[in-house]
């Protein structure tokens, strides 16, 4: 294994990535929890929110960082 140099990653990109990862996986987890609780509509809304969040994250990355 080799060391990875992350010094070129800006602070704003790192914070954006962390915030969106927490949002996306939080919504996915909440959706799974709601499905187990037999609350299917809330579960599907959480899944849809995760998909929308991922789309917005990809748009922001393509617009500002690539």
N, C-alpha and C. Protein backbone atom coordinates (compact mmCIF):
# COMPACT_ATOMS: atom_id res chain seq x y z
N UNK A 1 0.84 -1.18 0.00
CA UNK A 1 0.00 0.00 0.00
C UNK A 1 0.88 1.24 0.00
N UNK A 2 0.38 2.28 -0.61
CA UNK A 2 1.11 3.54 -0.67
C UNK A 2 0.32 4.62 0.04
N UNK A 3 0.99 5.69 0.32
CA UNK A 3 0.34 6.84 0.94
C UNK A 3 -0.35 7.67 -0.13
N UNK A 4 -1.48 8.25 0.22
CA UNK A 4 -2.23 9.08 -0.70
C UNK A 4 -2.06 10.53 -0.28
N UNK A 5 -1.69 11.37 -1.23
CA UNK A 5 -1.50 12.79 -0.95
C UNK A 5 -2.83 13.51 -1.14
N UNK A 6 -3.40 14.00 -0.05
CA UNK A 6 -4.67 14.72 -0.11
C UNK A 6 -4.49 16.21 0.11
N UNK A 7 -3.26 16.70 -0.02
CA UNK A 7 -3.01 18.11 0.22
C UNK A 7 -3.61 18.99 -0.87
N UNK A 8 -3.91 18.43 -2.04
CA UNK A 8 -4.48 19.24 -3.12
C UNK A 8 -6.01 19.37 -3.01
N UNK A 9 -6.62 18.69 -2.06
CA UNK A 9 -8.07 18.79 -1.87
C UNK A 9 -8.36 20.05 -1.06
N UNK A 10 -9.19 20.93 -1.64
CA UNK A 10 -9.51 22.16 -0.93
C UNK A 10 -10.45 21.89 0.24
N UNK A 11 -10.46 22.82 1.18
CA UNK A 11 -11.31 22.68 2.36
C UNK A 11 -12.79 22.71 1.97
N UNK A 12 -13.13 23.54 1.00
CA UNK A 12 -14.54 23.63 0.60
C UNK A 12 -15.02 22.34 -0.06
N UNK A 13 -14.16 21.70 -0.86
CA UNK A 13 -14.53 20.42 -1.48
C UNK A 13 -14.68 19.34 -0.43
N UNK A 14 -13.80 19.33 0.55
CA UNK A 14 -13.87 18.33 1.62
C UNK A 14 -15.15 18.50 2.43
N UNK A 15 -15.48 19.72 2.81
CA UNK A 15 -16.69 19.98 3.60
C UNK A 15 -17.93 19.66 2.79
N UNK A 16 -17.93 20.02 1.51
CA UNK A 16 -19.07 19.71 0.65
C UNK A 16 -19.27 18.20 0.55
N UNK A 17 -18.19 17.46 0.38
CA UNK A 17 -18.28 16.01 0.30
C UNK A 17 -18.79 15.39 1.57
N UNK A 18 -18.30 15.85 2.70
CA UNK A 18 -18.73 15.30 3.99
C UNK A 18 -20.21 15.59 4.22
N UNK A 19 -20.64 16.81 3.97
CA UNK A 19 -22.04 17.19 4.20
C UNK A 19 -22.98 16.37 3.32
N UNK A 20 -22.63 16.25 2.04
CA UNK A 20 -23.52 15.51 1.15
C UNK A 20 -23.48 14.02 1.43
N UNK A 21 -22.35 13.46 1.80
CA UNK A 21 -22.31 12.04 2.14
C UNK A 21 -23.17 11.75 3.37
N UNK A 22 -23.08 12.62 4.37
CA UNK A 22 -23.93 12.44 5.55
C UNK A 22 -25.40 12.57 5.20
N UNK A 23 -25.72 13.51 4.33
CA UNK A 23 -27.12 13.71 3.93
C UNK A 23 -27.64 12.51 3.14
N UNK A 24 -26.88 12.08 2.15
CA UNK A 24 -27.33 10.99 1.28
C UNK A 24 -27.48 9.69 2.07
N UNK A 25 -26.45 9.30 2.81
CA UNK A 25 -26.53 8.04 3.53
C UNK A 25 -27.47 8.11 4.73
N UNK A 26 -27.65 9.30 5.29
CA UNK A 26 -28.64 9.47 6.35
C UNK A 26 -30.05 9.26 5.82
N UNK A 27 -30.33 9.81 4.64
CA UNK A 27 -31.65 9.62 4.05
C UNK A 27 -31.88 8.16 3.65
N UNK A 28 -30.84 7.50 3.13
CA UNK A 28 -30.98 6.08 2.80
C UNK A 28 -31.26 5.25 4.06
N UNK A 29 -30.53 5.53 5.12
CA UNK A 29 -30.75 4.79 6.37
C UNK A 29 -32.14 5.05 6.93
N UNK A 30 -32.58 6.29 6.87
CA UNK A 30 -33.91 6.64 7.35
C UNK A 30 -34.98 5.96 6.52
N UNK A 31 -34.75 5.87 5.21
CA UNK A 31 -35.70 5.18 4.34
C UNK A 31 -35.80 3.70 4.66
N UNK A 32 -34.67 3.06 4.92
CA UNK A 32 -34.68 1.64 5.28
C UNK A 32 -35.40 1.45 6.61
N UNK A 33 -35.14 2.34 7.57
CA UNK A 33 -35.80 2.26 8.87
C UNK A 33 -37.31 2.39 8.71
N UNK A 34 -37.74 3.35 7.90
CA UNK A 34 -39.18 3.54 7.69
C UNK A 34 -39.82 2.34 7.00
N UNK A 35 -39.08 1.70 6.09
CA UNK A 35 -39.62 0.50 5.44
C UNK A 35 -39.82 -0.63 6.45
N UNK A 36 -38.87 -0.80 7.36
CA UNK A 36 -39.02 -1.82 8.39
C UNK A 36 -40.17 -1.50 9.35
N UNK A 37 -40.49 -0.22 9.51
CA UNK A 37 -41.59 0.18 10.37
C UNK A 37 -42.93 0.15 9.64
N UNK A 38 -42.94 -0.39 8.43
CA UNK A 38 -44.15 -0.49 7.61
C UNK A 38 -44.71 0.88 7.22
N UNK A 39 -43.88 1.88 7.17
CA UNK A 39 -44.30 3.21 6.71
C UNK A 39 -43.68 3.44 5.34
N UNK A 40 -44.30 2.82 4.34
CA UNK A 40 -43.70 2.75 3.01
C UNK A 40 -43.63 4.09 2.30
N UNK A 41 -44.64 4.91 2.47
CA UNK A 41 -44.62 6.20 1.79
C UNK A 41 -43.46 7.07 2.29
N UNK A 42 -43.27 7.13 3.60
CA UNK A 42 -42.15 7.91 4.15
C UNK A 42 -40.81 7.32 3.72
N UNK A 43 -40.76 6.00 3.61
CA UNK A 43 -39.53 5.35 3.16
C UNK A 43 -39.19 5.71 1.73
N UNK A 44 -40.21 5.67 0.86
CA UNK A 44 -39.96 6.02 -0.54
C UNK A 44 -39.60 7.49 -0.69
N UNK A 45 -40.20 8.36 0.13
CA UNK A 45 -39.82 9.78 0.09
C UNK A 45 -38.36 9.97 0.51
N UNK A 46 -37.92 9.19 1.49
CA UNK A 46 -36.52 9.29 1.91
C UNK A 46 -35.58 8.80 0.82
N UNK A 47 -35.96 7.72 0.15
CA UNK A 47 -35.15 7.24 -0.97
C UNK A 47 -35.09 8.28 -2.09
N UNK A 48 -36.23 8.90 -2.38
CA UNK A 48 -36.27 9.93 -3.41
C UNK A 48 -35.41 11.13 -3.01
N UNK A 49 -35.44 11.49 -1.72
CA UNK A 49 -34.59 12.58 -1.25
C UNK A 49 -33.12 12.26 -1.38
N UNK A 50 -32.75 11.01 -1.16
CA UNK A 50 -31.35 10.60 -1.33
C UNK A 50 -30.94 10.70 -2.80
N UNK A 51 -31.83 10.31 -3.70
CA UNK A 51 -31.51 10.39 -5.12
C UNK A 51 -31.39 11.84 -5.58
N UNK A 52 -32.29 12.69 -5.10
CA UNK A 52 -32.22 14.11 -5.44
C UNK A 52 -30.96 14.73 -4.87
N UNK A 53 -30.60 14.38 -3.64
CA UNK A 53 -29.38 14.91 -3.02
C UNK A 53 -28.14 14.47 -3.79
N UNK A 54 -28.12 13.22 -4.23
CA UNK A 54 -27.00 12.74 -5.01
C UNK A 54 -26.90 13.48 -6.34
N UNK A 55 -28.04 13.74 -6.97
CA UNK A 55 -28.04 14.48 -8.24
C UNK A 55 -27.53 15.90 -8.05
N UNK A 56 -27.97 16.56 -6.99
CA UNK A 56 -27.50 17.92 -6.70
C UNK A 56 -26.01 17.92 -6.40
N UNK A 57 -25.55 16.92 -5.66
CA UNK A 57 -24.12 16.80 -5.34
C UNK A 57 -23.30 16.64 -6.62
N UNK A 58 -23.74 15.78 -7.54
CA UNK A 58 -23.02 15.59 -8.80
C UNK A 58 -23.05 16.86 -9.64
N UNK A 59 -24.17 17.57 -9.65
CA UNK A 59 -24.26 18.82 -10.41
C UNK A 59 -23.29 19.86 -9.86
N UNK A 60 -23.24 20.00 -8.53
CA UNK A 60 -22.33 20.96 -7.91
C UNK A 60 -20.88 20.59 -8.18
N UNK A 61 -20.55 19.30 -8.09
CA UNK A 61 -19.18 18.88 -8.37
C UNK A 61 -18.80 19.19 -9.81
N UNK A 62 -19.69 18.89 -10.75
CA UNK A 62 -19.38 19.16 -12.16
C UNK A 62 -19.31 20.64 -12.46
N UNK A 63 -20.12 21.43 -11.78
CA UNK A 63 -20.16 22.87 -12.09
C UNK A 63 -18.99 23.63 -11.47
N UNK A 64 -18.63 23.31 -10.20
CA UNK A 64 -17.64 24.11 -9.48
C UNK A 64 -16.26 23.50 -9.43
N UNK A 65 -16.15 22.17 -9.47
CA UNK A 65 -14.86 21.55 -9.19
C UNK A 65 -14.25 20.80 -10.36
N UNK A 66 -14.97 20.63 -11.46
CA UNK A 66 -14.39 19.92 -12.61
C UNK A 66 -14.32 20.81 -13.82
